[in-house]
C-alpha atoms as a PDB file:
ATOM      1  CA  UNK A   1       0.045  -0.089  -0.020  1.00  0.00           C
ATOM      2  CA  UNK A   2       1.535   3.370  -1.049  1.00  0.00           C
ATOM      3  CA  UNK A   3       1.287   6.861   1.414  1.00  0.00           C
ATOM      4  CA  UNK A   4      -1.601   7.856  -1.061  1.00  0.00           C
ATOM      5  CA  UNK A   5      -3.458   4.702  -0.519  1.00  0.00           C
ATOM      6  CA  UNK A   6      -3.118   4.768   3.256  1.00  0.00           C
ATOM      7  CA  UNK A   7      -4.243   8.569   3.235  1.00  0.00           C
ATOM      8  CA  UNK A   8      -7.484   7.401   1.565  1.00  0.00           C
ATOM      9  CA  UNK A   9      -7.586   4.667   4.026  1.00  0.00           C
ATOM     10  CA  UNK A  10      -7.357   6.515   7.198  1.00  0.00           C
ATOM     11  CA  UNK A  11      -9.802   9.390   5.619  1.00  0.00           C
ATOM     12  CA  UNK A  12     -12.453   6.612   4.831  1.00  0.00           C
ATOM     13  CA  UNK A  13     -12.066   5.410   8.348  1.00  0.00           C
ATOM     14  CA  UNK A  14     -12.264   9.320   9.668  1.00  0.00           C
ATOM     15  CA  UNK A  15     -15.203   9.599   8.023  1.00  0.00           C
ATOM     16  CA  UNK A  16     -16.574   6.279   9.920  1.00  0.00           C
ATOM     17  CA  UNK A  17     -15.315   7.826  13.328  1.00  0.00           C
ATOM     18  CA  UNK A  18     -17.077  11.135  12.319  1.00  0.00           C
ATOM     19  CA  UNK A  19     -20.495   9.465  11.623  1.00  0.00           C
ATOM     20  CA  UNK A  20     -20.480   7.192  14.713  1.00  0.00           C
ATOM     21  CA  UNK A  21     -19.908  10.019  16.540  1.00  0.00           C
ATOM     22  CA  UNK A  22     -22.835  11.728  15.761  1.00  0.00           C
ATOM     23  CA  UNK A  23     -25.002   8.803  16.623  1.00  0.00           C
ATOM     24  CA  UNK A  24     -26.162   6.712  20.143  1.00  0.00           C
ATOM     25  CA  UNK A  25     -23.224   6.260  22.825  1.00  0.00           C
ATOM     26  CA  UNK A  26     -22.736   2.835  21.568  1.00  0.00           C
ATOM     27  CA  UNK A  27     -21.496   4.173  18.317  1.00  0.00           C
ATOM     28  CA  UNK A  28     -19.951   7.073  20.092  1.00  0.00           C
ATOM     29  CA  UNK A  29     -18.145   4.579  22.492  1.00  0.00           C
ATOM     30  CA  UNK A  30     -17.063   2.545  18.608  1.00  0.00           C
ATOM     31  CA  UNK A  31     -15.691   5.656  17.819  1.00  0.00           C
ATOM     32  CA  UNK A  32     -13.411   6.381  20.475  1.00  0.00           C
ATOM     33  CA  UNK A  33     -12.128   2.898  20.426  1.00  0.00           C
ATOM     34  CA  UNK A  34     -11.309   3.331  16.517  1.00  0.00           C
ATOM     35  CA  UNK A  35      -9.329   6.412  17.256  1.00  0.00           C
ATOM     36  CA  UNK A  36      -7.537   4.814  20.059  1.00  0.00           C
ATOM     37  CA  UNK A  37      -6.827   1.827  17.991  1.00  0.00           C
ATOM     38  CA  UNK A  38      -5.650   4.087  14.970  1.00  0.00           C
ATOM     39  CA  UNK A  39      -4.264   7.108  16.236  1.00  0.00           C
ATOM     40  CA  UNK A  40      -0.597   7.202  15.792  1.00  0.00           C
ATOM     41  CA  UNK A  41       1.983   9.766  14.357  1.00  0.00           C
ATOM     42  CA  UNK A  42       2.433   7.405  11.522  1.00  0.00           C
ATOM     43  CA  UNK A  43      -1.419   7.323  10.003  1.00  0.00           C
ATOM     44  CA  UNK A  44      -3.067  10.148   8.231  1.00  0.00           C
ATOM     45  CA  UNK A  45      -5.673  10.808  10.570  1.00  0.00           C
ATOM     46  CA  UNK A  46      -6.456  14.319  11.250  1.00  0.00           C
ATOM     47  CA  UNK A  47      -5.146  15.640  14.337  1.00  0.00           C
ATOM     48  CA  UNK A  48      -7.185  18.359  15.252  1.00  0.00           C
ATOM     49  CA  UNK A  49     -10.276  17.146  14.085  1.00  0.00           C
ATOM     50  CA  UNK A  50      -9.695  13.863  15.966  1.00  0.00           C
ATOM     51  CA  UNK A  51      -9.459  15.997  19.002  1.00  0.00           C
ATOM     52  CA  UNK A  52     -12.474  17.965  18.328  1.00  0.00           C
ATOM     53  CA  UNK A  53     -14.260  14.792  17.808  1.00  0.00           C
ATOM     54  CA  UNK A  54     -13.272  13.142  21.161  1.00  0.00           C
ATOM     55  CA  UNK A  55     -14.460  16.548  22.820  1.00  0.00           C
ATOM     56  CA  UNK A  56     -17.589  16.361  21.095  1.00  0.00           C
ATOM     57  CA  UNK A  57     -18.599  12.833  22.115  1.00  0.00           C
ATOM     58  CA  UNK A  58     -17.434  13.825  25.989  1.00  0.00           C
ATOM     59  CA  UNK A  59     -19.148  16.590  25.909  1.00  0.00           C
ATOM     60  CA  UNK A  60     -22.443  15.572  24.244  1.00  0.00           C
ATOM     61  CA  UNK A  61     -22.557  12.582  27.055  1.00  0.00           C
ATOM     62  CA  UNK A  62     -21.853  15.157  30.024  1.00  0.00           C
ATOM     63  CA  UNK A  63     -17.839  13.941  30.222  1.00  0.00           C
ATOM     64  CA  UNK A  64     -18.853  10.858  31.852  1.00  0.00           C
ATOM     65  CA  UNK A  65     -19.738   7.969  29.513  1.00  0.00           C
ATOM     66  CA  UNK A  66     -21.260   4.834  31.370  1.00  0.00           C
ATOM     67  CA  UNK A  67     -21.616   1.568  29.446  1.00  0.00           C
ATOM     68  CA  UNK A  68     -23.336  -1.340  31.649  1.00  0.00           C
ATOM     69  CA  UNK A  69     -23.719   0.991  34.358  1.00  0.00           C
ATOM     70  CA  UNK A  70     -19.669   1.518  34.813  1.00  0.00           C
ATOM     71  CA  UNK A  71     -17.423   4.107  33.344  1.00  0.00           C
ATOM     72  CA  UNK A  72     -16.119   3.582  29.829  1.00  0.00           C
ATOM     73  CA  UNK A  73     -12.227   2.852  30.167  1.00  0.00           C
ATOM     74  CA  UNK A  74     -11.944   3.024  26.252  1.00  0.00           C
ATOM     75  CA  UNK A  75     -12.962   6.715  26.494  1.00  0.00           C
ATOM     76  CA  UNK A  76     -10.099   7.569  28.840  1.00  0.00           C
ATOM     77  CA  UNK A  77      -7.564   5.604  26.897  1.00  0.00           C
ATOM     78  CA  UNK A  78      -8.692   7.565  23.602  1.00  0.00           C
ATOM     79  CA  UNK A  79      -7.970  10.680  25.379  1.00  0.00           C
ATOM     80  CA  UNK A  80      -4.438   9.497  26.501  1.00  0.00           C
ATOM     81  CA  UNK A  81      -3.587   8.570  23.067  1.00  0.00           C
ATOM     82  CA  UNK A  82      -4.876  11.714  21.123  1.00  0.00           C
ATOM     83  CA  UNK A  83      -2.906  13.726  23.664  1.00  0.00           C
ATOM     84  CA  UNK A  84       0.286  11.946  23.616  1.00  0.00           C
ATOM     85  CA  UNK A  85       0.607  11.487  20.031  1.00  0.00           C
ATOM     86  CA  UNK A  86      -0.923  14.662  18.654  1.00  0.00           C
ATOM     87  CA  UNK A  87       0.967  16.865  21.300  1.00  0.00           C
ATOM     88  CA  UNK A  88      -2.048  18.120  23.139  1.00  0.00           C
ATOM     89  CA  UNK A  89      -0.688  16.906  26.677  1.00  0.00           C
ATOM     90  CA  UNK A  90      -2.474  20.343  28.157  1.00  0.00           C
ATOM     91  CA  UNK A  91      -5.690  19.525  26.074  1.00  0.00           C
ATOM     92  CA  UNK A  92      -5.721  15.996  27.297  1.00  0.00           C
ATOM     93  CA  UNK A  93      -5.573  16.585  31.369  1.00  0.00           C
ATOM     94  CA  UNK A  94      -8.319  19.508  31.175  1.00  0.00           C
ATOM     95  CA  UNK A  95     -10.657  17.069  29.331  1.00  0.00           C
ATOM     96  CA  UNK A  96      -9.594  13.977  31.976  1.00  0.00           C
ATOM     97  CA  UNK A  97     -10.377  16.511  34.717  1.00  0.00           C
ATOM     98  CA  UNK A  98     -13.542  17.379  33.324  1.00  0.00           C
ATOM     99  CA  UNK A  99     -14.260  13.621  32.951  1.00  0.00           C
ATOM    100  CA  UNK A 100     -13.085  13.238  36.560  1.00  0.00           C
ATOM    101  CA  UNK A 101     -15.531  16.174  38.201  1.00  0.00           C
ATOM    102  CA  UNK A 102     -18.386  14.459  36.132  1.00  0.00           C
ATOM    103  CA  UNK A 103     -17.243  11.347  37.454  1.00  0.00           C
ATOM    104  CA  UNK A 104     -17.627  12.998  41.050  1.00  0.00           C
ATOM    105  CA  UNK A 105     -21.157  14.603  40.218  1.00  0.00           C
ATOM    106  CA  UNK A 106     -22.471  11.230  39.257  1.00  0.00           C
ATOM    107  CA  UNK A 107     -21.927   9.612  42.937  1.00  0.00           C
ATOM    108  CA  UNK A 108     -23.715  12.952  44.667  1.00  0.00           C
ATOM    109  CA  UNK A 109     -26.987  11.460  45.776  1.00  0.00           C
ATOM    110  CA  UNK A 110     -29.978  12.641  43.756  1.00  0.00           C
ATOM    111  CA  UNK A 111     -27.825  12.666  40.285  1.00  0.00           C
ATOM    112  CA  UNK A 112     -30.364  11.603  37.202  1.00  0.00           C
ATOM    113  CA  UNK A 113     -27.838   8.088  37.146  1.00  0.00           C
ATOM    114  CA  UNK A 114     -26.540   6.641  40.124  1.00  0.00           C
ATOM    115  CA  UNK A 115     -23.892   3.850  39.674  1.00  0.00           C
ATOM    116  CA  UNK A 116     -22.406   1.901  42.174  1.00  0.00           C
ATOM    117  CA  UNK A 117     -19.324   3.574  44.100  1.00  0.00           C
ATOM    118  CA  UNK A 118     -17.123   0.848  43.089  1.00  0.00           C
ATOM    119  CA  UNK A 119     -17.654   2.003  39.384  1.00  0.00           C
ATOM    120  CA  UNK A 120     -17.116   5.589  40.099  1.00  0.00           C
ATOM    121  CA  UNK A 121     -13.910   4.667  41.934  1.00  0.00           C
ATOM    122  CA  UNK A 122     -12.819   2.712  39.233  1.00  0.00           C
ATOM    123  CA  UNK A 123     -13.453   5.441  36.772  1.00  0.00           C
ATOM    124  CA  UNK A 124     -11.676   7.625  38.891  1.00  0.00           C
ATOM    125  CA  UNK A 125      -8.310   5.458  39.343  1.00  0.00           C
ATOM    126  CA  UNK A 126      -8.444   5.040  35.264  1.00  0.00           C
ATOM    127  CA  UNK A 127      -8.720   9.079  35.235  1.00  0.00           C
ATOM    128  CA  UNK A 128      -5.833   9.276  37.608  1.00  0.00           C
ATOM    129  CA  UNK A 129      -3.508   6.962  35.892  1.00  0.00           C
ATOM    130  CA  UNK A 130      -4.368   8.871  32.415  1.00  0.00           C
ATOM    131  CA  UNK A 131      -3.464  11.653  34.057  1.00  0.00           C
ATOM    132  CA  UNK A 132      -0.366  10.086  35.542  1.00  0.00           C
ATOM    133  CA  UNK A 133       0.577   9.264  31.799  1.00  0.00           C
ATOM    134  CA  UNK A 134       0.150  12.644  30.588  1.00  0.00           C
ATOM    135  CA  UNK A 135       2.612  13.638  33.446  1.00  0.00           C
ATOM    136  CA  UNK A 136      -0.201  15.655  35.180  1.00  0.00           C
ATOM    137  CA  UNK A 137       0.325  13.495  38.247  1.00  0.00           C
ATOM    138  CA  UNK A 138       3.688  12.178  39.604  1.00  0.00           C
ATOM    139  CA  UNK A 139       5.488  14.467  37.487  1.00  0.00           C
ATOM    140  CA  UNK A 140       7.493  15.854  40.568  1.00  0.00           C
ATOM    141  CA  UNK A 141       9.985  13.382  42.311  1.00  0.00           C
ATOM    142  CA  UNK A 142       9.710  12.282  45.558  1.00  0.00           C
ATOM    143  CA  UNK A 143      11.313  14.718  47.987  1.00  0.00           C
ATOM    144  CA  UNK A 144      12.475  11.639  50.092  1.00  0.00           C
ATOM    145  CA  UNK A 145      13.297   9.455  47.418  1.00  0.00           C
ATOM    146  CA  UNK A 146      17.192  10.501  47.144  1.00  0.00           C
ATOM    147  CA  UNK A 147      17.314  12.189  50.683  1.00  0.00           C
ATOM    148  CA  UNK A 148      20.233  10.083  51.724  1.00  0.00           C
ATOM    149  CA  UNK A 149      22.103  11.189  48.930  1.00  0.00           C
ATOM    150  CA  UNK A 150      22.528  14.526  50.077  1.00  0.00           C
ATOM    151  CA  UNK A 151      22.828  14.187  54.083  1.00  0.00           C
ATOM    152  CA  UNK A 152      26.076  13.092  55.052  1.00  0.00           C
ATOM    153  CA  UNK A 153      27.023  10.770  57.318  1.00  0.00           C
ATOM    154  CA  UNK A 154      27.329  12.765  60.545  1.00  0.00           C
ATOM    155  CA  UNK A 155      23.791  14.376  60.049  1.00  0.00           C
ATOM    156  CA  UNK A 156      22.644  10.785  59.389  1.00  0.00           C
ATOM    157  CA  UNK A 157      23.943   9.418  62.646  1.00  0.00           C
ATOM    158  CA  UNK A 158      22.624  12.312  64.828  1.00  0.00           C
ATOM    159  CA  UNK A 159      19.318  11.765  63.723  1.00  0.00           C
ATOM    160  CA  UNK A 160      19.665   8.015  64.145  1.00  0.00           C
ATOM    161  CA  UNK A 161      20.900   8.894  67.749  1.00  0.00           C
ATOM    162  CA  UNK A 162      24.503   7.558  67.923  1.00  0.00           C
ATOM    163  CA  UNK A 163      27.748   8.214  66.385  1.00  0.00           C
ATOM    164  CA  UNK A 164      29.077   7.874  62.635  1.00  0.00           C
ATOM    165  CA  UNK A 165      31.342   5.210  62.097  1.00  0.00           C
END
């Protein structure tokens, strides 16, 4: 297959993704799955338009997509994939935080759809992992990790309450 052929194939695929994004939730989840499986810097899926489709799908679902009473994990991984490959880490972080807020809203009494707390926690863990992948969380080193590298033997001995060897 030539580069031109690949461009046509990916344009056709993107047309299907765009069509699915305007349909019911089942098709929207399938669109997210197709994006996650096919979005790399080596193909010709349009970056900006793909990002817009992902954001549209999430916004049309109130930023929390539930399948079978559980948060859709494919959506979180799709956000991470598009953010990493497309160079949209800030966008991905903002969208994941909106997903996290939506999950919290769903856990509040009186929400229109009240899933199990376990499913909410699973969704939050998935979002947290996505944020870590985008280096939003965990980007700062543990301050205690290299403490012994910076301390001299006398101060360590004083802290331990005995003389240095």
